[in-house]
Amino acid sequence: MSQTQHLRDDYKRFQAITTRWHDNDIYGHVNNVTYYSYFDSAVNSYLIEEGGLDIHGGDVVGFVVSSSCDYFASIAFPERIELGMRVGKLGNSSVQYELAVFKEGEEQACAAGRFIHVFVDRESNRPVPIPAELRAALEAILV
């Protein structure tokens, strides 16, 4: 994956995040697994705020079924970052998010990843169609 494919203008929504002390690993940069936490936080904040997702009592929940990340440049504590987000694919019960980590104000991403949510019934854990309010929020950032 070429870094030039991951520019700020390619993303539709941004979530500001401040790195935390415990994000750094022994090598002095944010550990690779922490990026997945950033992705999850950005997506779920968006789904709660814009899509009306009720993570505690709603009938529908999103399960991550696949994820990946490519790294281009290090970030470290203390650093302010911005998570770029867009939807690459939107199905009946699933969505593929495409995300990128940018140092505050920078044009090229330090990392880029994706993950897939499958929306399921909370009780049965069986896939269900994405509810209308969530679908509308996802369509708003679809590329």
Protein backbone atom coordinates (compact mmCIF):
# COMPACT_ATOMS: atom_id res chain seq x y z
CA MET A 1 0.00 0.00 0.00
CA SER A 2 1.41 3.35 -0.98
CA GLN A 3 1.28 6.19 1.54
CA THR A 4 0.20 8.57 -1.23
CA GLN A 5 -3.11 6.68 -1.31
CA HIS A 6 -3.91 7.88 2.20
CA LEU A 7 -4.32 11.65 2.15
CA ARG A 8 -6.47 13.75 4.45
CA ASP A 9 -8.78 14.83 1.62
CA ASP A 10 -9.72 11.20 0.99
CA TYR A 11 -11.57 10.91 4.31
CA LYS A 12 -15.02 12.26 5.17
CA ARG A 13 -15.04 12.42 8.96
CA PHE A 14 -12.35 13.12 11.55
CA GLN A 15 -12.07 12.29 15.24
CA ALA A 16 -9.40 14.04 17.32
CA ILE A 17 -7.53 11.83 19.78
CA THR A 18 -4.68 12.62 22.16
CA THR A 19 -2.22 9.80 22.62
CA ARG A 20 -1.89 8.56 26.18
CA TRP A 21 1.16 7.74 28.27
CA HIS A 22 0.43 4.01 28.22
CA ASP A 23 0.06 3.97 24.40
CA ASN A 24 3.86 4.04 24.02
CA ASP A 25 5.75 0.79 24.04
CA ILE A 26 9.31 0.07 25.13
CA TYR A 27 10.58 1.41 21.78
CA GLY A 28 9.13 4.85 22.50
CA HIS A 29 6.30 4.92 19.96
CA VAL A 30 2.63 3.98 19.99
CA ASN A 31 2.36 0.21 19.93
CA ASN A 32 0.79 -1.33 16.84
CA VAL A 33 -2.19 -2.84 18.68
CA THR A 34 -3.18 0.58 20.03
CA TYR A 35 -4.12 1.74 16.52
CA TYR A 36 -7.00 -0.75 16.56
CA SER A 37 -8.28 0.86 19.75
CA TYR A 38 -8.17 4.26 18.04
CA PHE A 39 -10.12 2.83 15.07
CA ASP A 40 -12.75 1.29 17.33
CA SER A 41 -13.14 4.48 19.37
CA ALA A 42 -13.52 6.70 16.29
CA VAL A 43 -16.08 4.43 14.61
CA ASN A 44 -18.16 3.78 17.70
CA SER A 45 -18.18 7.47 18.67
CA TYR A 46 -19.53 8.22 15.20
CA LEU A 47 -22.15 5.46 15.35
CA ILE A 48 -23.35 6.62 18.77
CA GLU A 49 -23.39 10.35 17.94
CA GLU A 50 -24.64 10.24 14.35
CA GLY A 51 -26.30 6.86 13.99
CA GLY A 52 -28.11 6.55 17.31
CA LEU A 53 -26.35 3.30 18.26
CA ASP A 54 -27.29 2.28 21.80
CA ILE A 55 -24.30 0.22 22.92
CA HIS A 56 -25.84 -0.70 26.28
CA GLY A 57 -29.46 -1.55 25.53
CA GLY A 58 -30.04 -1.53 21.79
CA ASP A 59 -31.36 -4.54 19.92
CA VAL A 60 -28.49 -4.40 17.41
CA VAL A 61 -24.74 -4.52 18.02
CA GLY A 62 -21.77 -4.46 15.64
CA PHE A 63 -19.24 -7.29 15.74
CA VAL A 64 -15.78 -6.78 14.23
CA VAL A 65 -15.18 -9.76 11.95
CA SER A 66 -12.04 -8.61 10.10
CA SER A 67 -9.37 -5.93 10.55
CA SER A 68 -5.98 -4.83 9.25
CA CYS A 69 -3.56 -1.93 9.48
CA ASP A 70 -0.53 -0.70 7.52
CA TYR A 71 2.02 1.57 9.18
CA PHE A 72 3.98 4.34 7.44
CA ALA A 73 5.38 6.59 10.19
CA SER A 74 5.56 6.51 13.99
CA ILE A 75 3.48 8.46 16.44
CA ALA A 76 4.20 8.77 20.16
CA PHE A 77 2.99 10.23 23.42
CA PRO A 78 2.42 13.16 23.78
CA GLU A 79 0.97 13.75 20.35
CA ARG A 80 -2.36 14.93 19.03
CA ILE A 81 -3.71 12.82 16.19
CA GLU A 82 -6.78 12.78 14.00
CA LEU A 83 -8.52 9.66 12.78
CA GLY A 84 -9.89 9.96 9.27
CA MET A 85 -12.87 7.75 8.57
CA ARG A 86 -14.95 6.72 5.58
CA VAL A 87 -17.11 3.78 4.52
CA GLY A 88 -15.70 1.78 1.62
CA LYS A 89 -18.45 -0.84 1.33
CA LEU A 90 -21.96 -0.93 2.70
CA GLY A 91 -23.97 -4.14 2.59
CA ASN A 92 -27.25 -5.31 4.05
CA SER A 93 -25.85 -6.27 7.45
CA SER A 94 -22.18 -5.34 7.13
CA VAL A 95 -19.99 -2.30 6.60
CA GLN A 96 -16.30 -1.88 5.80
CA TYR A 97 -14.73 1.16 7.42
CA GLU A 98 -11.53 2.64 6.04
CA LEU A 99 -9.51 4.63 8.54
CA ALA A 100 -6.28 6.60 8.63
CA VAL A 101 -4.21 8.09 11.43
CA PHE A 102 -2.87 11.60 10.82
CA LYS A 103 -0.64 13.73 13.02
CA GLU A 104 -2.63 16.85 13.78
CA GLY A 105 -2.77 19.02 10.66
CA GLU A 106 -0.63 16.74 8.46
CA GLU A 107 -1.77 15.69 4.99
CA GLN A 108 -0.29 12.19 4.78
CA ALA A 109 -1.35 9.36 7.03
CA CYS A 110 0.98 7.67 9.49
CA ALA A 111 -1.12 4.50 9.29
CA ALA A 112 -4.16 3.26 7.41
CA GLY A 113 -6.46 0.39 8.18
CA ARG A 114 -9.84 -1.10 7.75
CA PHE A 115 -12.30 -3.19 9.65
CA ILE A 116 -15.63 -4.81 9.00
CA HIS A 117 -18.63 -4.71 11.30
CA VAL A 118 -21.44 -7.19 10.94
CA PHE A 119 -24.57 -5.98 12.70
CA VAL A 120 -26.30 -8.67 14.69
CA ASP A 121 -29.30 -9.10 16.94
CA ARG A 122 -28.04 -8.70 20.52
CA GLU A 123 -29.95 -11.78 21.76
CA SER A 124 -29.38 -14.27 18.94
CA ASN A 125 -26.02 -12.99 17.60
CA ARG A 126 -27.46 -13.53 14.11
CA PRO A 127 -26.92 -10.94 11.33
CA VAL A 128 -29.70 -8.41 10.82
CA PRO A 129 -30.22 -5.57 8.33
CA ILE A 130 -28.52 -2.35 9.40
CA PRO A 131 -31.19 -0.16 11.07
CA ALA A 132 -32.29 2.89 9.06
CA GLU A 133 -30.72 5.55 11.34
CA LEU A 134 -27.37 3.74 11.37
CA ARG A 135 -27.53 3.17 7.62
CA ALA A 136 -28.14 6.88 7.01
CA ALA A 137 -25.06 7.78 9.11
CA LEU A 138 -22.96 5.23 7.22
CA GLU A 139 -24.20 6.45 3.84
CA ALA A 140 -23.14 9.98 4.82
CA ILE A 141 -19.48 8.91 4.84
CA LEU A 142 -19.65 6.35 2.02
CA VAL A 143 -17.12 6.81 -0.81
